[in-house]
Amino acid sequence: MSGTTLTQSRPLTCPPSRAARELGLKRGEFDLAVHLGRIRTVPDEGGGGGRRVPRTEIDRLQGRAEALRESVQVVGTTEGAALMGIPAGRFTRVAKLGLVTPVKWYPNRYRAVVWLYLAEELRLFAADEKNTRLLTGRTPAELSDRLRAGADQRARNWRGRHCGFLLRQADGPWERAGVVAGFLDAGEIDDVLTDPHERAHVRALRPAPPAHGAPGSPAAQLAEELMTAADPDEIDWFRHDLAREVAQARTHQPAPRPAAPSRHPAPGRPKPFPGLRGWLLRRNPRPAH
């Protein structure tokens, strides 16, 4: 018997749930850290379509759970306003103007959207002297006019941020096109993509909106609404980006097309008799001997 001891090699990657446990993070904290690019993931080598975390990444981050947790702390309007030292109403106006960008959202019991912001970003915004006039005294007239006109950039800014996250996770050119298409309604996609095979392929690669309820539920419908570009100039931007991504993907590899049906009968199957003779034989088959 050989004296060599066989040891099982450690997997090169592990699933997100295990990575979160090893790093001492709650799953929501871990997912947001991935979203922000602070934890690197790779495609599932098993081809399951999911993501996994390299062991080298876990080793790099070991012992930094507290710093990671602080970097992904999120707050709502009330907490955010307190953190910035301003009234909640002023915080809402700052957010509607698009001066701070939501990183997450959830529906409350009344099916209203509750926006969440990175505490770290709010601290930096409040500490910047250039923003002092936005946090104290009267709101500048041009900004007040925009608010009176109904300006609210929160959903749009979240879409832009979420699109960036999904593009970083995309595994190839067609997947990138699918990401961009995920922010357009079906009619806009059909208008941009005239090739039916490309259209079907891109539609199949569209990411689902963030899960906030069972399919068809009011929460799921709200998620789909927030995922879809709304302003005309925003729609134009996504349309232009979709056309560009598809053009790049097309040069990399054409969209798959269904195989042409065979013109030959299946092997082993007798060729039918044509015309009257075939009809008579089918009605009066020859007796077996």
Protein backbone atom coordinates (compact mmCIF):
# COMPACT_ATOMS: atom_id res chain seq x y z
CA MET A 1 0.00 0.00 0.00
CA SER A 2 1.37 3.41 -0.93
CA GLY A 3 2.24 5.81 1.87
CA THR A 4 0.71 8.74 -0.05
CA THR A 5 -2.31 10.26 1.71
CA LEU A 6 -5.16 11.30 -0.55
CA THR A 7 -6.88 14.56 0.43
CA GLN A 8 -9.91 16.12 -1.13
CA SER A 9 -9.02 19.39 -2.80
CA ARG A 10 -10.94 22.47 -1.72
CA PRO A 11 -13.46 23.71 -4.31
CA LEU A 12 -12.31 26.77 -6.21
CA THR A 13 -15.69 28.46 -5.72
CA CYS A 14 -18.63 28.20 -3.36
CA PRO A 15 -22.31 29.19 -3.48
CA PRO A 16 -23.35 32.66 -2.26
CA SER A 17 -25.13 31.31 0.82
CA ARG A 18 -21.96 29.64 2.09
CA ALA A 19 -19.80 32.63 1.19
CA ALA A 20 -22.12 34.90 3.21
CA ARG A 21 -21.84 32.59 6.24
CA GLU A 22 -18.06 32.39 6.01
CA LEU A 23 -17.80 36.18 5.76
CA GLY A 24 -20.17 36.71 8.68
CA LEU A 25 -22.71 38.65 6.59
CA LYS A 26 -26.49 38.42 6.41
CA ARG A 27 -27.66 37.33 2.98
CA GLY A 28 -29.13 40.77 2.20
CA GLU A 29 -25.84 42.44 3.14
CA PHE A 30 -23.91 39.97 1.01
CA ASP A 31 -26.19 40.46 -2.02
CA LEU A 32 -25.89 44.23 -1.80
CA ALA A 33 -22.09 44.00 -1.51
CA VAL A 34 -22.10 41.93 -4.72
CA HIS A 35 -24.45 44.47 -6.32
CA LEU A 36 -22.01 47.26 -5.51
CA GLY A 37 -19.01 45.35 -6.83
CA ARG A 38 -17.43 44.87 -3.39
CA ILE A 39 -17.56 41.08 -3.61
CA ARG A 40 -16.57 39.48 -6.89
CA THR A 41 -18.58 36.58 -8.27
CA VAL A 42 -18.12 34.34 -11.31
CA PRO A 43 -20.54 32.30 -13.46
CA ASP A 44 -21.45 28.87 -12.11
CA GLU A 45 -18.97 26.47 -13.68
CA GLY A 46 -21.67 23.80 -13.63
CA GLY A 47 -23.66 25.76 -16.18
CA GLY A 48 -26.65 26.32 -13.92
CA GLY A 49 -26.90 29.99 -14.79
CA GLY A 50 -26.22 31.20 -11.24
CA ARG A 51 -23.20 32.87 -9.71
CA ARG A 52 -20.54 31.57 -7.34
CA VAL A 53 -17.84 33.18 -5.22
CA PRO A 54 -14.16 32.35 -5.79
CA ARG A 55 -12.35 31.01 -2.72
CA THR A 56 -9.66 33.61 -3.33
CA GLU A 57 -12.29 36.32 -2.90
CA ILE A 58 -13.44 34.87 0.42
CA ASP A 59 -9.84 34.64 1.59
CA ARG A 60 -9.28 38.27 0.60
CA LEU A 61 -12.28 39.46 2.61
CA GLN A 62 -11.85 37.29 5.71
CA GLY A 63 -11.89 39.42 8.85
CA ARG A 64 -13.43 42.43 7.09
CA ALA A 65 -17.08 41.66 7.79
CA GLU A 66 -17.61 44.74 9.95
CA ALA A 67 -16.21 47.11 7.33
CA LEU A 68 -18.27 45.40 4.62
CA ARG A 69 -21.40 45.61 6.76
CA GLU A 70 -20.89 49.33 7.30
CA SER A 71 -20.31 49.92 3.61
CA VAL A 72 -23.69 48.35 2.71
CA GLN A 73 -25.78 49.86 5.51
CA VAL A 74 -29.03 51.21 4.04
CA VAL A 75 -31.44 53.74 5.50
CA GLY A 76 -34.87 55.06 4.62
CA THR A 77 -36.10 58.64 4.51
CA THR A 78 -36.35 59.24 8.26
CA GLU A 79 -32.97 57.72 9.10
CA GLY A 80 -31.36 59.34 6.09
CA ALA A 81 -32.65 62.75 7.03
CA ALA A 82 -31.36 62.36 10.60
CA LEU A 83 -27.99 61.21 9.33
CA MET A 84 -27.72 64.30 7.11
CA GLY A 85 -29.09 66.63 9.79
CA ILE A 86 -32.08 67.84 7.75
CA PRO A 87 -35.88 67.44 8.03
CA ALA A 88 -37.45 64.42 6.37
CA GLY A 89 -39.37 66.64 3.93
CA ARG A 90 -36.16 68.23 2.73
CA PHE A 91 -34.53 64.84 2.34
CA THR A 92 -37.44 63.73 0.12
CA ARG A 93 -37.02 66.82 -2.04
CA VAL A 94 -33.28 66.15 -2.39
CA ALA A 95 -34.02 62.55 -3.41
CA LYS A 96 -36.75 63.52 -5.89
CA LEU A 97 -34.34 65.91 -7.55
CA GLY A 98 -31.97 62.99 -8.13
CA LEU A 99 -29.21 64.39 -5.93
CA VAL A 100 -28.98 61.10 -4.02
CA THR A 101 -29.67 57.72 -5.62
CA PRO A 102 -31.62 54.83 -4.08
CA VAL A 103 -29.87 51.49 -3.95
CA LYS A 104 -32.86 49.32 -3.00
CA TRP A 105 -36.60 49.51 -2.50
CA TYR A 106 -39.48 47.51 -1.08
CA PRO A 107 -43.28 47.87 -1.04
CA ASN A 108 -44.88 48.67 2.30
CA ARG A 109 -48.21 47.33 3.50
CA TYR A 110 -50.01 50.04 1.51
CA ARG A 111 -48.18 48.99 -1.69
CA ALA A 112 -46.23 52.24 -1.70
CA VAL A 113 -42.54 52.20 -2.61
CA VAL A 114 -40.08 52.66 0.25
CA TRP A 115 -36.73 53.78 -1.12
CA LEU A 116 -33.48 52.85 0.64
CA TYR A 117 -30.16 54.67 0.36
CA LEU A 118 -26.58 53.85 1.23
CA ALA A 119 -25.75 55.53 4.53
CA GLU A 120 -22.15 55.88 3.37
CA GLU A 121 -23.19 57.92 0.31
CA LEU A 122 -25.48 60.19 2.35
CA ARG A 123 -22.66 60.98 4.78
CA LEU A 124 -20.37 61.89 1.90
CA PHE A 125 -23.05 64.07 0.30
CA ALA A 126 -23.71 65.95 3.56
CA ALA A 127 -19.98 66.44 4.22
CA ASP A 128 -19.35 68.04 0.80
CA GLU A 129 -19.37 71.84 1.18
CA LYS A 130 -20.68 72.22 -2.37
CA ASN A 131 -23.98 70.71 -1.19
CA THR A 132 -24.50 73.03 1.78
CA ARG A 133 -26.90 75.31 -0.10
CA LEU A 134 -29.06 72.28 -0.91
CA LEU A 135 -29.36 71.27 2.75
CA THR A 136 -29.89 74.61 4.45
CA GLY A 137 -31.98 77.69 3.77
CA ARG A 138 -34.33 78.08 0.83
CA THR A 139 -34.21 75.56 -1.99
CA PRO A 140 -32.76 77.26 -5.12
CA ALA A 141 -35.50 78.58 -7.40
CA GLU A 142 -34.63 76.39 -10.39
CA LEU A 143 -34.89 73.28 -8.21
CA SER A 144 -38.14 74.42 -6.64
CA ASP A 145 -39.59 74.91 -10.12
CA ARG A 146 -38.67 71.34 -11.04
CA LEU A 147 -40.33 69.99 -7.90
CA ARG A 148 -43.51 71.99 -8.58
CA ALA A 149 -43.53 70.49 -12.08
CA GLY A 150 -43.60 67.01 -10.54
CA ALA A 151 -39.93 66.01 -10.82
CA ASP A 152 -39.13 62.67 -9.21
CA GLN A 153 -35.90 61.00 -10.30
CA ARG A 154 -35.86 58.22 -7.69
CA ALA A 155 -37.16 55.38 -9.86
CA ARG A 156 -35.13 56.47 -12.87
CA ASN A 157 -31.92 56.74 -10.86
CA TRP A 158 -32.53 53.32 -9.32
CA ARG A 159 -33.03 51.83 -12.80
CA GLY A 160 -29.75 53.28 -13.97
CA ARG A 161 -27.95 51.88 -10.97
CA HIS A 162 -29.59 48.47 -11.24
CA CYS A 163 -28.81 48.29 -14.96
CA GLY A 164 -25.14 48.93 -14.22
CA PHE A 165 -25.12 46.09 -11.70
CA LEU A 166 -26.72 43.63 -14.12
CA LEU A 167 -24.35 44.61 -16.93
CA ARG A 168 -21.37 43.89 -14.68
CA GLN A 169 -22.79 40.40 -14.08
CA ALA A 170 -23.57 39.67 -17.75
CA ASP A 171 -21.63 36.74 -19.19
CA GLY A 172 -21.50 37.79 -22.84
CA PRO A 173 -22.64 40.25 -25.55
CA TRP A 174 -26.12 38.77 -26.01
CA GLU A 175 -26.60 38.67 -22.24
CA ARG A 176 -25.72 42.39 -22.12
CA ALA A 177 -28.36 43.06 -24.77
CA GLY A 178 -30.85 41.09 -22.68
CA VAL A 179 -30.05 43.24 -19.65
CA VAL A 180 -30.77 46.48 -21.52
CA ALA A 181 -33.98 45.01 -22.98
CA GLY A 182 -35.11 44.26 -19.43
CA PHE A 183 -35.75 47.98 -18.93
CA LEU A 184 -37.99 48.37 -22.00
CA ASP A 185 -41.54 47.18 -22.59
CA ALA A 186 -42.26 44.58 -25.25
CA GLY A 187 -43.42 47.14 -27.82
CA GLU A 188 -40.18 49.09 -27.64
CA ILE A 189 -38.12 45.90 -28.04
CA ASP A 190 -40.16 44.86 -31.09
CA ASP A 191 -39.65 48.31 -32.61
CA VAL A 192 -35.85 48.21 -32.17
CA LEU A 193 -35.28 44.55 -33.11
CA THR A 194 -36.84 43.69 -36.46
CA ASP A 195 -35.19 40.27 -36.81
CA PRO A 196 -37.58 37.78 -35.12
CA HIS A 197 -34.75 35.41 -34.08
CA GLU A 198 -32.74 38.20 -32.44
CA ARG A 199 -35.88 39.50 -30.79
CA ALA A 200 -36.77 36.09 -29.34
CA HIS A 201 -33.21 35.50 -28.14
CA VAL A 202 -32.95 38.88 -26.43
CA ARG A 203 -36.36 38.53 -24.82
CA ALA A 204 -35.35 35.15 -23.39
CA LEU A 205 -32.30 36.78 -21.78
CA ARG A 206 -34.18 39.65 -20.11
CA PRO A 207 -33.56 39.70 -16.34
CA ALA A 208 -36.54 39.40 -14.04
CA PRO A 209 -37.39 42.39 -11.83
CA PRO A 210 -36.29 42.12 -8.20
CA ALA A 211 -38.55 39.62 -6.44
CA HIS A 212 -41.01 41.29 -4.10
CA GLY A 213 -43.98 38.94 -4.36
CA ALA A 214 -45.52 35.97 -6.12
CA PRO A 215 -45.89 36.25 -9.92
CA GLY A 216 -48.97 38.28 -10.78
CA SER A 217 -49.26 39.78 -7.30
CA PRO A 218 -49.56 43.56 -6.81
CA ALA A 219 -45.98 43.62 -5.48
CA ALA A 220 -44.70 41.79 -8.56
CA GLN A 221 -46.62 44.17 -10.82
CA LEU A 222 -45.08 47.11 -8.98
CA ALA A 223 -41.61 45.62 -9.46
CA GLU A 224 -42.22 45.27 -13.20
CA GLU A 225 -43.45 48.86 -13.39
CA LEU A 226 -40.38 50.21 -11.59
CA MET A 227 -38.11 48.14 -13.85
CA THR A 228 -39.54 49.71 -17.03
CA ALA A 229 -38.19 53.02 -18.34
CA ALA A 230 -40.84 55.73 -18.15
CA ASP A 231 -39.54 59.11 -19.35
CA PRO A 232 -39.29 59.63 -23.14
CA ASP A 233 -35.60 60.53 -23.03
CA GLU A 234 -34.87 57.57 -20.76
CA ILE A 235 -36.70 55.24 -23.16
CA ASP A 236 -34.70 56.67 -26.06
CA TRP A 237 -31.47 56.05 -24.15
CA PHE A 238 -32.33 52.39 -23.51
CA ARG A 239 -33.48 51.92 -27.13
CA HIS A 240 -30.21 53.34 -28.43
CA ASP A 241 -28.21 51.20 -26.00
CA LEU A 242 -30.17 48.09 -26.99
CA ALA A 243 -29.46 48.66 -30.68
CA ARG A 244 -25.78 49.17 -29.92
CA GLU A 245 -25.49 46.06 -27.73
CA VAL A 246 -27.25 43.90 -30.32
CA ALA A 247 -25.00 45.21 -33.10
CA GLN A 248 -21.95 44.25 -31.03
CA ALA A 249 -23.42 40.86 -30.13
CA ARG A 250 -24.24 40.16 -33.78
CA THR A 251 -20.59 40.60 -34.78
CA HIS A 252 -19.54 38.27 -31.97
CA GLN A 253 -22.03 35.50 -32.75
CA PRO A 254 -25.36 35.47 -34.64
CA ALA A 255 -28.51 34.86 -32.63
CA PRO A 256 -29.50 31.19 -32.66
CA ARG A 257 -32.02 30.11 -35.26
CA PRO A 258 -34.23 27.02 -35.16
CA ALA A 259 -33.03 24.08 -37.23
CA ALA A 260 -34.71 23.75 -40.63
CA PRO A 261 -37.17 20.80 -40.81
CA SER A 262 -35.88 17.76 -42.69
CA ARG A 263 -37.32 17.18 -46.17
CA HIS A 264 -36.68 13.44 -46.00
CA PRO A 265 -39.01 10.92 -44.32
CA ALA A 266 -37.90 9.45 -41.04
CA PRO A 267 -35.62 6.41 -41.49
CA GLY A 268 -37.37 3.06 -41.41
CA ARG A 269 -40.74 4.51 -42.34
CA PRO A 270 -42.06 3.22 -45.72
CA LYS A 271 -42.73 5.83 -48.34
CA PRO A 272 -46.52 6.08 -48.84
CA PHE A 273 -48.07 5.15 -52.18
CA PRO A 274 -49.37 8.23 -53.95
CA GLY A 275 -52.73 8.80 -55.56
CA LEU A 276 -55.56 6.28 -56.04
CA ARG A 277 -53.38 3.20 -55.48
CA GLY A 278 -52.33 4.43 -52.06
CA TRP A 279 -55.93 5.20 -51.11
CA LEU A 280 -57.08 1.67 -52.14
CA LEU A 281 -54.24 0.00 -50.26
CA ARG A 282 -55.02 1.98 -47.11
CA ARG A 283 -58.71 0.97 -47.30
CA ASN A 284 -58.02 -2.70 -48.22
CA PRO A 285 -54.66 -3.73 -46.79
CA ARG A 286 -53.17 -6.95 -48.09
CA PRO A 287 -53.95 -9.97 -45.86
CA ALA A 288 -51.04 -11.39 -43.94
CA HIS A 289 -49.79 -14.87 -45.01
